Protein backbone atom coordinates (compact mmCIF):
# COMPACT_ATOMS: atom_id res chain seq x y z
CA MET A 1 -279.36 -25.88 -125.06
CA PRO A 2 -276.76 -28.04 -126.80
CA TRP A 3 -273.70 -28.99 -124.77
CA LYS A 4 -270.35 -30.40 -125.76
CA LEU A 5 -269.50 -33.47 -123.70
CA GLU A 6 -266.49 -31.81 -122.06
CA ASP A 7 -268.52 -28.72 -121.12
CA ALA A 8 -271.26 -30.91 -119.67
CA LYS A 9 -268.70 -32.69 -117.49
CA GLN A 10 -267.19 -29.45 -116.25
CA LYS A 11 -270.54 -27.72 -115.63
CA PHE A 12 -272.59 -30.69 -114.51
CA SER A 13 -274.46 -28.78 -111.79
CA GLU A 14 -275.41 -26.06 -114.28
CA LEU A 15 -276.53 -28.72 -116.74
CA ILE A 16 -278.83 -30.31 -114.16
CA HIS A 17 -280.39 -26.98 -113.21
CA ALA A 18 -280.96 -26.13 -116.88
CA ALA A 19 -282.66 -29.51 -117.44
CA VAL A 20 -285.41 -28.43 -115.04
CA GLU A 21 -286.38 -25.75 -117.55
CA GLU A 22 -285.93 -27.71 -120.79
CA PRO A 23 -284.21 -30.86 -122.09
CA GLN A 24 -280.44 -30.51 -122.39
CA LEU A 25 -278.75 -32.20 -125.34
CA ILE A 26 -275.15 -33.39 -125.02
CA TYR A 27 -273.00 -33.94 -128.08
CA ASP A 28 -269.71 -35.77 -128.53
CA GLN A 29 -267.91 -34.92 -131.76
CA ASN A 30 -271.07 -33.32 -133.17
CA GLN A 31 -273.12 -36.47 -132.52
CA LEU A 32 -275.99 -36.45 -130.02
CA VAL A 33 -275.17 -38.94 -127.27
CA VAL A 34 -277.59 -38.11 -124.46
CA ALA A 35 -280.49 -35.90 -123.45
CA VAL A 36 -280.98 -34.84 -119.85
CA VAL A 37 -284.63 -34.30 -118.92
CA LYS A 38 -286.63 -33.73 -115.73
CA ALA A 39 -287.55 -36.90 -113.86
CA ASP A 40 -291.30 -36.41 -114.43
CA VAL A 41 -290.74 -36.16 -118.20
CA TYR A 42 -288.80 -39.43 -118.07
CA GLN A 43 -291.56 -41.08 -116.01
CA GLU A 44 -294.17 -39.95 -118.56
CA PHE A 45 -292.01 -41.43 -121.31
CA LEU A 46 -291.83 -44.79 -119.48
CA VAL A 47 -295.62 -44.90 -119.12
CA TRP A 48 -296.08 -44.04 -122.81
CA GLN A 49 -293.50 -46.65 -123.84
CA GLN A 50 -295.19 -49.39 -121.84
CA GLN A 51 -298.66 -48.49 -123.15
CA SER A 52 -297.50 -48.35 -126.75
CA GLN A 53 -295.79 -51.73 -126.81
CA LYS A 54 -297.86 -54.27 -128.64
CA PRO A 55 -297.82 -57.85 -127.45
CA ALA A 56 -296.34 -60.43 -129.80
CA LEU A 57 -298.68 -62.75 -131.68
CA ALA A 58 -297.31 -65.70 -129.73
CA SER A 59 -298.28 -63.94 -126.48
CA ALA A 60 -301.82 -63.45 -127.76
CA PHE A 61 -302.13 -67.16 -128.59
CA THR A 62 -300.72 -68.11 -125.19
CA GLU A 63 -303.28 -65.87 -123.49
CA LEU A 64 -306.07 -67.36 -125.63
CA ARG A 65 -304.96 -70.89 -124.76
CA GLU A 66 -304.92 -70.05 -121.03
CA LEU A 67 -308.39 -68.51 -121.22
CA CYS A 68 -309.72 -71.60 -122.99
CA ILE A 69 -308.26 -73.83 -120.28
CA GLU A 70 -309.69 -71.64 -117.49
CA GLU A 71 -313.15 -71.68 -119.06
CA ASN A 72 -312.95 -75.37 -119.96
CA TYR A 73 -313.51 -74.38 -123.58
CA LEU A 74 -312.35 -76.53 -126.48
CA LEU A 75 -311.13 -74.45 -129.37
CA GLU A 76 -311.74 -76.44 -132.54
CA MET A 77 -309.91 -75.64 -135.72
CA PRO A 78 -311.49 -76.43 -139.09
CA PRO A 79 -309.43 -78.65 -141.38
CA HIS A 80 -307.02 -76.78 -143.61
CA ILE A 81 -308.27 -76.53 -147.17
CA GLY A 82 -305.84 -75.15 -149.62
CA ASN A 83 -302.66 -75.83 -151.49
CA THR A 84 -301.39 -79.18 -150.17
CA GLN A 85 -297.88 -78.31 -151.36
CA TYR A 86 -297.48 -75.97 -148.39
CA SER A 87 -299.70 -77.73 -145.84
CA ARG A 88 -297.04 -80.36 -145.14
CA PHE A 89 -294.78 -77.87 -143.34
């Protein structure tokens, strides 16, 4: 059920009870500003958010470097063959 911000303030208890049944959307000047959901729905969202975040490339290289150190493994890189105009950077 959509709520106007002022109505949500005045009927906060009713809003909370309604959120148990379905998400409650609160609008301020016809713009959605917040959604009130059950705590378990929010917890599920947090789990999904954490699982869907992809690590940055730099993090992957850091992890690779740490694994190589732990395993006493030397990671050798072949010499760069290509356009020397860009290899100086």
